[in-house]
PDB file of N, CA and C in Angstrom:
ATOM      1  N   MET A   1     -26.806  13.839  -1.253  1.00  0.00           N
ATOM      2  CA  MET A   1     -27.397  14.846  -2.110  1.00  0.00           C
ATOM      3  C   MET A   1     -27.434  16.185  -1.371  1.00  0.00           C
ATOM      4  N   SER A   2     -27.066  17.229  -2.046  1.00  0.00           N
ATOM      5  CA  SER A   2     -27.075  18.577  -1.475  1.00  0.00           C
ATOM      6  C   SER A   2     -28.500  19.110  -1.389  1.00  0.00           C
ATOM      7  N   PHE A   3     -28.759  19.917  -0.368  1.00  0.00           N
ATOM      8  CA  PHE A   3     -30.063  20.566  -0.257  1.00  0.00           C
ATOM      9  C   PHE A   3     -30.200  21.660  -1.313  1.00  0.00           C
ATOM     10  N   LEU A   4     -29.120  22.400  -1.526  1.00  0.00           N
ATOM     11  CA  LEU A   4     -29.075  23.421  -2.575  1.00  0.00           C
ATOM     12  C   LEU A   4     -27.852  23.153  -3.425  1.00  0.00           C
ATOM     13  N   SER A   5     -28.048  23.088  -4.726  1.00  0.00           N
ATOM     14  CA  SER A   5     -26.895  22.952  -5.613  1.00  0.00           C
ATOM     15  C   SER A   5     -27.118  23.781  -6.870  1.00  0.00           C
ATOM     16  N   THR A   6     -26.043  24.355  -7.338  1.00  0.00           N
ATOM     17  CA  THR A   6     -26.046  25.042  -8.622  1.00  0.00           C
ATOM     18  C   THR A   6     -24.928  24.432  -9.454  1.00  0.00           C
ATOM     19  N   GLU A   7     -25.143  24.367 -10.740  1.00  0.00           N
ATOM     20  CA  GLU A   7     -24.141  23.832 -11.656  1.00  0.00           C
ATOM     21  C   GLU A   7     -23.996  24.768 -12.843  1.00  0.00           C
ATOM     22  N   GLY A   8     -22.820  25.330 -12.994  1.00  0.00           N
ATOM     23  CA  GLY A   8     -22.483  26.124 -14.168  1.00  0.00           C
ATOM     24  C   GLY A   8     -23.366  27.332 -14.426  1.00  0.00           C
ATOM     25  N   LEU A   9     -23.733  28.060 -13.375  1.00  0.00           N
ATOM     26  CA  LEU A   9     -24.590  29.237 -13.560  1.00  0.00           C
ATOM     27  C   LEU A   9     -23.884  30.301 -14.393  1.00  0.00           C
ATOM     28  N   ILE A  10     -24.614  30.823 -15.360  1.00  0.00           N
ATOM     29  CA  ILE A  10     -24.101  31.900 -16.210  1.00  0.00           C
ATOM     30  C   ILE A  10     -25.174  32.974 -16.323  1.00  0.00           C
ATOM     31  N   LYS A  11     -24.759  34.218 -16.165  1.00  0.00           N
ATOM     32  CA  LYS A  11     -25.640  35.365 -16.381  1.00  0.00           C
ATOM     33  C   LYS A  11     -24.864  36.409 -17.161  1.00  0.00           C
ATOM     34  N   LYS A  12     -25.471  36.882 -18.239  1.00  0.00           N
ATOM     35  CA  LYS A  12     -24.836  37.903 -19.073  1.00  0.00           C
ATOM     36  C   LYS A  12     -25.714  39.137 -19.137  1.00  0.00           C
ATOM     37  N   TYR A  13     -25.075  40.290 -19.144  1.00  0.00           N
ATOM     38  CA  TYR A  13     -25.743  41.565 -19.377  1.00  0.00           C
ATOM     39  C   TYR A  13     -25.071  42.228 -20.565  1.00  0.00           C
ATOM     40  N   GLN A  14     -25.856  42.561 -21.570  1.00  0.00           N
ATOM     41  CA  GLN A  14     -25.349  43.187 -22.792  1.00  0.00           C
ATOM     42  C   GLN A  14     -24.176  42.405 -23.370  1.00  0.00           C
ATOM     43  N   GLY A  15     -24.288  41.073 -23.342  1.00  0.00           N
ATOM     44  CA  GLY A  15     -23.274  40.204 -23.922  1.00  0.00           C
ATOM     45  C   GLY A  15     -22.063  39.943 -23.051  1.00  0.00           C
ATOM     46  N   LYS A  16     -21.964  40.595 -21.904  1.00  0.00           N
ATOM     47  CA  LYS A  16     -20.819  40.405 -21.009  1.00  0.00           C
ATOM     48  C   LYS A  16     -21.220  39.491 -19.855  1.00  0.00           C
ATOM     49  N   ALA A  17     -20.439  38.434 -19.627  1.00  0.00           N
ATOM     50  CA  ALA A  17     -20.714  37.499 -18.534  1.00  0.00           C
ATOM     51  C   ALA A  17     -20.361  38.145 -17.197  1.00  0.00           C
ATOM     52  N   VAL A  18     -21.361  38.303 -16.335  1.00  0.00           N
ATOM     53  CA  VAL A  18     -21.116  38.834 -14.995  1.00  0.00           C
ATOM     54  C   VAL A  18     -21.036  37.703 -13.975  1.00  0.00           C
ATOM     55  N   VAL A  19     -21.615  36.562 -14.302  1.00  0.00           N
ATOM     56  CA  VAL A  19     -21.454  35.318 -13.541  1.00  0.00           C
ATOM     57  C   VAL A  19     -21.136  34.264 -14.579  1.00  0.00           C
ATOM     58  N   ASN A  20     -20.053  33.521 -14.377  1.00  0.00           N
ATOM     59  CA  ASN A  20     -19.604  32.592 -15.407  1.00  0.00           C
ATOM     60  C   ASN A  20     -19.216  31.249 -14.810  1.00  0.00           C
ATOM     61  N   GLY A  21     -20.135  30.288 -14.859  1.00  0.00           N
ATOM     62  CA  GLY A  21     -19.828  28.917 -14.472  1.00  0.00           C
ATOM     63  C   GLY A  21     -19.793  28.658 -12.979  1.00  0.00           C
ATOM     64  N   VAL A  22     -20.663  29.288 -12.203  1.00  0.00           N
ATOM     65  CA  VAL A  22     -20.654  29.113 -10.747  1.00  0.00           C
ATOM     66  C   VAL A  22     -21.359  27.818 -10.364  1.00  0.00           C
ATOM     67  N   SER A  23     -20.656  26.970  -9.620  1.00  0.00           N
ATOM     68  CA  SER A  23     -21.230  25.743  -9.063  1.00  0.00           C
ATOM     69  C   SER A  23     -21.099  25.808  -7.552  1.00  0.00           C
ATOM     70  N   LEU A  24     -22.159  25.378  -6.870  1.00  0.00           N
ATOM     71  CA  LEU A  24     -22.230  25.491  -5.415  1.00  0.00           C
ATOM     72  C   LEU A  24     -23.032  24.314  -4.886  1.00  0.00           C
ATOM     73  N   HIS A  25     -22.574  23.725  -3.781  1.00  0.00           N
ATOM     74  CA  HIS A  25     -23.290  22.617  -3.147  1.00  0.00           C
ATOM     75  C   HIS A  25     -23.378  22.905  -1.653  1.00  0.00           C
ATOM     76  N   VAL A  26     -24.612  22.957  -1.138  1.00  0.00           N
ATOM     77  CA  VAL A  26     -24.848  23.262   0.269  1.00  0.00           C
ATOM     78  C   VAL A  26     -25.717  22.158   0.858  1.00  0.00           C
ATOM     79  N   ASP A  27     -25.227  21.519   1.919  1.00  0.00           N
ATOM     80  CA  ASP A  27     -25.996  20.478   2.594  1.00  0.00           C
ATOM     81  C   ASP A  27     -27.004  21.100   3.543  1.00  0.00           C
ATOM     82  N   GLU A  28     -28.069  20.345   3.855  1.00  0.00           N
ATOM     83  CA  GLU A  28     -29.089  20.827   4.777  1.00  0.00           C
ATOM     84  C   GLU A  28     -28.461  21.157   6.127  1.00  0.00           C
ATOM     85  N   GLY A  29     -28.789  22.311   6.677  1.00  0.00           N
ATOM     86  CA  GLY A  29     -28.260  22.754   7.960  1.00  0.00           C
ATOM     87  C   GLY A  29     -26.918  23.454   7.882  1.00  0.00           C
ATOM     88  N   GLU A  30     -26.291  23.439   6.729  1.00  0.00           N
ATOM     89  CA  GLU A  30     -24.989  24.081   6.545  1.00  0.00           C
ATOM     90  C   GLU A  30     -25.175  25.583   6.325  1.00  0.00           C
ATOM     91  N   VAL A  31     -24.281  26.377   6.879  1.00  0.00           N
ATOM     92  CA  VAL A  31     -24.302  27.829   6.698  1.00  0.00           C
ATOM     93  C   VAL A  31     -23.149  28.200   5.772  1.00  0.00           C
ATOM     94  N   VAL A  32     -23.456  28.959   4.730  1.00  0.00           N
ATOM     95  CA  VAL A  32     -22.460  29.306   3.713  1.00  0.00           C
ATOM     96  C   VAL A  32     -22.532  30.803   3.441  1.00  0.00           C
ATOM     97  N   GLY A  33     -21.390  31.412   3.224  1.00  0.00           N
ATOM     98  CA  GLY A  33     -21.330  32.815   2.831  1.00  0.00           C
ATOM     99  C   GLY A  33     -20.600  32.947   1.509  1.00  0.00           C
ATOM    100  N   LEU A  34     -21.015  33.893   0.695  1.00  0.00           N
ATOM    101  CA  LEU A  34     -20.316  34.197  -0.551  1.00  0.00           C
ATOM    102  C   LEU A  34     -19.463  35.432  -0.325  1.00  0.00           C
ATOM    103  N   LEU A  35     -18.182  35.295  -0.565  1.00  0.00           N
ATOM    104  CA  LEU A  35     -17.241  36.397  -0.374  1.00  0.00           C
ATOM    105  C   LEU A  35     -16.610  36.770  -1.703  1.00  0.00           C
ATOM    106  N   GLY A  36     -16.382  38.051  -1.891  1.00  0.00           N
ATOM    107  CA  GLY A  36     -15.712  38.507  -3.090  1.00  0.00           C
ATOM    108  C   GLY A  36     -15.757  40.017  -3.170  1.00  0.00           C
ATOM    109  N   PRO A  37     -14.965  40.576  -4.068  1.00  0.00           N
ATOM    110  CA  PRO A  37     -14.927  42.034  -4.205  1.00  0.00           C
ATOM    111  C   PRO A  37     -16.210  42.565  -4.844  1.00  0.00           C
ATOM    112  N   ASN A  38     -16.380  43.880  -4.783  1.00  0.00           N
ATOM    113  CA  ASN A  38     -17.510  44.526  -5.453  1.00  0.00           C
ATOM    114  C   ASN A  38     -17.526  44.127  -6.924  1.00  0.00           C
ATOM    115  N   GLY A  39     -18.709  43.818  -7.420  1.00  0.00           N
ATOM    116  CA  GLY A  39     -18.842  43.482  -8.832  1.00  0.00           C
ATOM    117  C   GLY A  39     -18.488  42.056  -9.183  1.00  0.00           C
ATOM    118  N   ALA A  40     -18.260  41.202  -8.187  1.00  0.00           N
ATOM    119  CA  ALA A  40     -17.860  39.819  -8.455  1.00  0.00           C
ATOM    120  C   ALA A  40     -19.032  38.924  -8.847  1.00  0.00           C
ATOM    121  N   GLY A  41     -20.276  39.363  -8.595  1.00  0.00           N
ATOM    122  CA  GLY A  41     -21.443  38.572  -8.971  1.00  0.00           C
ATOM    123  C   GLY A  41     -22.151  37.896  -7.811  1.00  0.00           C
ATOM    124  N   LYS A  42     -21.813  38.254  -6.587  1.00  0.00           N
ATOM    125  CA  LYS A  42     -22.441  37.631  -5.405  1.00  0.00           C
ATOM    126  C   LYS A  42     -23.949  37.873  -5.380  1.00  0.00           C
ATOM    127  N   THR A  43     -24.356  39.106  -5.531  1.00  0.00           N
ATOM    128  CA  THR A  43     -25.779  39.442  -5.498  1.00  0.00           C
ATOM    129  C   THR A  43     -26.501  38.836  -6.691  1.00  0.00           C
ATOM    130  N   THR A  44     -25.877  38.845  -7.845  1.00  0.00           N
ATOM    131  CA  THR A  44     -26.480  38.244  -9.033  1.00  0.00           C
ATOM    132  C   THR A  44     -26.713  36.756  -8.816  1.00  0.00           C
ATOM    133  N   CYS A  45     -25.760  36.056  -8.221  1.00  0.00           N
ATOM    134  CA  CYS A  45     -25.943  34.629  -7.908  1.00  0.00           C
ATOM    135  C   CYS A  45     -27.129  34.440  -6.968  1.00  0.00           C
ATOM    136  N   PHE A  46     -27.204  35.247  -5.925  1.00  0.00           N
ATOM    137  CA  PHE A  46     -28.304  35.164  -4.968  1.00  0.00           C
ATOM    138  C   PHE A  46     -29.642  35.413  -5.670  1.00  0.00           C
ATOM    139  N   TYR A  47     -29.710  36.427  -6.512  1.00  0.00           N
ATOM    140  CA  TYR A  47     -30.951  36.739  -7.220  1.00  0.00           C
ATOM    141  C   TYR A  47     -31.369  35.590  -8.140  1.00  0.00           C
ATOM    142  N   MET A  48     -30.408  34.934  -8.798  1.00  0.00           N
ATOM    143  CA  MET A  48     -30.747  33.790  -9.650  1.00  0.00           C
ATOM    144  C   MET A  48     -31.285  32.632  -8.814  1.00  0.00           C
ATOM    145  N   ILE A  49     -30.648  32.343  -7.684  1.00  0.00           N
ATOM    146  CA  ILE A  49     -31.102  31.258  -6.814  1.00  0.00           C
ATOM    147  C   ILE A  49     -32.509  31.545  -6.297  1.00  0.00           C
ATOM    148  N   MET A  50     -32.796  32.798  -5.961  1.00  0.00           N
ATOM    149  CA  MET A  50     -34.109  33.187  -5.442  1.00  0.00           C
ATOM    150  C   MET A  50     -35.168  33.307  -6.542  1.00  0.00           C
ATOM    151  N   GLY A  51     -34.753  33.232  -7.798  1.00  0.00           N
ATOM    152  CA  GLY A  51     -35.697  33.328  -8.904  1.00  0.00           C
ATOM    153  C   GLY A  51     -36.088  34.749  -9.264  1.00  0.00           C
ATOM    154  N   LEU A  52     -35.324  35.718  -8.803  1.00  0.00           N
ATOM    155  CA  LEU A  52     -35.635  37.121  -9.082  1.00  0.00           C
ATOM    156  C   LEU A  52     -35.169  37.563 -10.464  1.00  0.00           C
ATOM    157  N   ILE A  53     -34.135  36.904 -10.988  1.00  0.00           N
ATOM    158  CA  ILE A  53     -33.676  37.160 -12.352  1.00  0.00           C
ATOM    159  C   ILE A  53     -33.454  35.812 -13.028  1.00  0.00           C
ATOM    160  N   PRO A  54     -33.657  35.742 -14.346  1.00  0.00           N
ATOM    161  CA  PRO A  54     -33.505  34.460 -15.040  1.00  0.00           C
ATOM    162  C   PRO A  54     -32.038  34.055 -15.188  1.00  0.00           C
ATOM    163  N   VAL A  55     -31.827  32.757 -15.216  1.00  0.00           N
ATOM    164  CA  VAL A  55     -30.503  32.176 -15.447  1.00  0.00           C
ATOM    165  C   VAL A  55     -30.315  32.043 -16.955  1.00  0.00           C
ATOM    166  N   ASP A  56     -29.176  32.484 -17.477  1.00  0.00           N
ATOM    167  CA  ASP A  56     -28.910  32.333 -18.906  1.00  0.00           C
ATOM    168  C   ASP A  56     -28.475  30.914 -19.242  1.00  0.00           C
ATOM    169  N   ALA A  57     -27.751  30.270 -18.342  1.00  0.00           N
ATOM    170  CA  ALA A  57     -27.330  28.879 -18.536  1.00  0.00           C
ATOM    171  C   ALA A  57     -27.019  28.281 -17.172  1.00  0.00           C
ATOM    172  N   GLY A  58     -27.061  26.958 -17.098  1.00  0.00           N
ATOM    173  CA  GLY A  58     -26.794  26.262 -15.850  1.00  0.00           C
ATOM    174  C   GLY A  58     -28.081  25.806 -15.195  1.00  0.00           C
ATOM    175  N   SER A  59     -27.945  25.221 -13.997  1.00  0.00           N
ATOM    176  CA  SER A  59     -29.116  24.687 -13.305  1.00  0.00           C
ATOM    177  C   SER A  59     -29.046  24.986 -11.812  1.00  0.00           C
ATOM    178  N   ILE A  60     -30.237  25.034 -11.207  1.00  0.00           N
ATOM    179  CA  ILE A  60     -30.377  25.237  -9.768  1.00  0.00           C
ATOM    180  C   ILE A  60     -31.320  24.170  -9.247  1.00  0.00           C
ATOM    181  N   ASN A  61     -30.915  23.483  -8.185  1.00  0.00           N
ATOM    182  CA  ASN A  61     -31.731  22.444  -7.569  1.00  0.00           C
ATOM    183  C   ASN A  61     -31.859  22.757  -6.089  1.00  0.00           C
ATOM    184  N   LEU A  62     -33.088  22.803  -5.599  1.00  0.00           N
ATOM    185  CA  LEU A  62     -33.353  23.105  -4.198  1.00  0.00           C
ATOM    186  C   LEU A  62     -34.244  22.014  -3.623  1.00  0.00           C
ATOM    187  N   GLY A  63     -33.733  21.280  -2.645  1.00  0.00           N
ATOM    188  CA  GLY A  63     -34.510  20.230  -2.001  1.00  0.00           C
ATOM    189  C   GLY A  63     -34.979  19.151  -2.958  1.00  0.00           C
ATOM    190  N   GLY A  64     -34.184  18.851  -3.974  1.00  0.00           N
ATOM    191  CA  GLY A  64     -34.535  17.815  -4.937  1.00  0.00           C
ATOM    192  C   GLY A  64     -35.395  18.291  -6.094  1.00  0.00           C
ATOM    193  N   ARG A  65     -35.697  19.581  -6.141  1.00  0.00           N
ATOM    194  CA  ARG A  65     -36.519  20.130  -7.222  1.00  0.00           C
ATOM    195  C   ARG A  65     -35.705  21.092  -8.071  1.00  0.00           C
ATOM    196  N   ASP A  66     -35.800  20.926  -9.379  1.00  0.00           N
ATOM    197  CA  ASP A  66     -35.144  21.865 -10.284  1.00  0.00           C
ATOM    198  C   ASP A  66     -35.917  23.172 -10.299  1.00  0.00           C
ATOM    199  N   LEU A  67     -35.186  24.270 -10.219  1.00  0.00           N
ATOM    200  CA  LEU A  67     -35.824  25.591 -10.264  1.00  0.00           C
ATOM    201  C   LEU A  67     -35.630  26.214 -11.630  1.00  0.00           C
TER     202      LEU A  67
END
C-alpha cells in the first residue's frame, strides 16, 4: 500500500480542465518530484493534495486515510 496515492485527480477552472486524471503512488520514505512545463498543473496538484483547493473529481489517500 502506498503512503500517498491519488487516483484520477481532476481540477477545472471556468470549465477548462487544468489537471485531468492525475494518478500518483508514493511509498513511505520515497522522494518524488513533479516535473513539467509552466502551466502543466504541478502546483495545482500539490494544492489539492495539501487540501488548499477542492478536488473536482478523483481521490487522495494519505497514510490509509481518504482526504
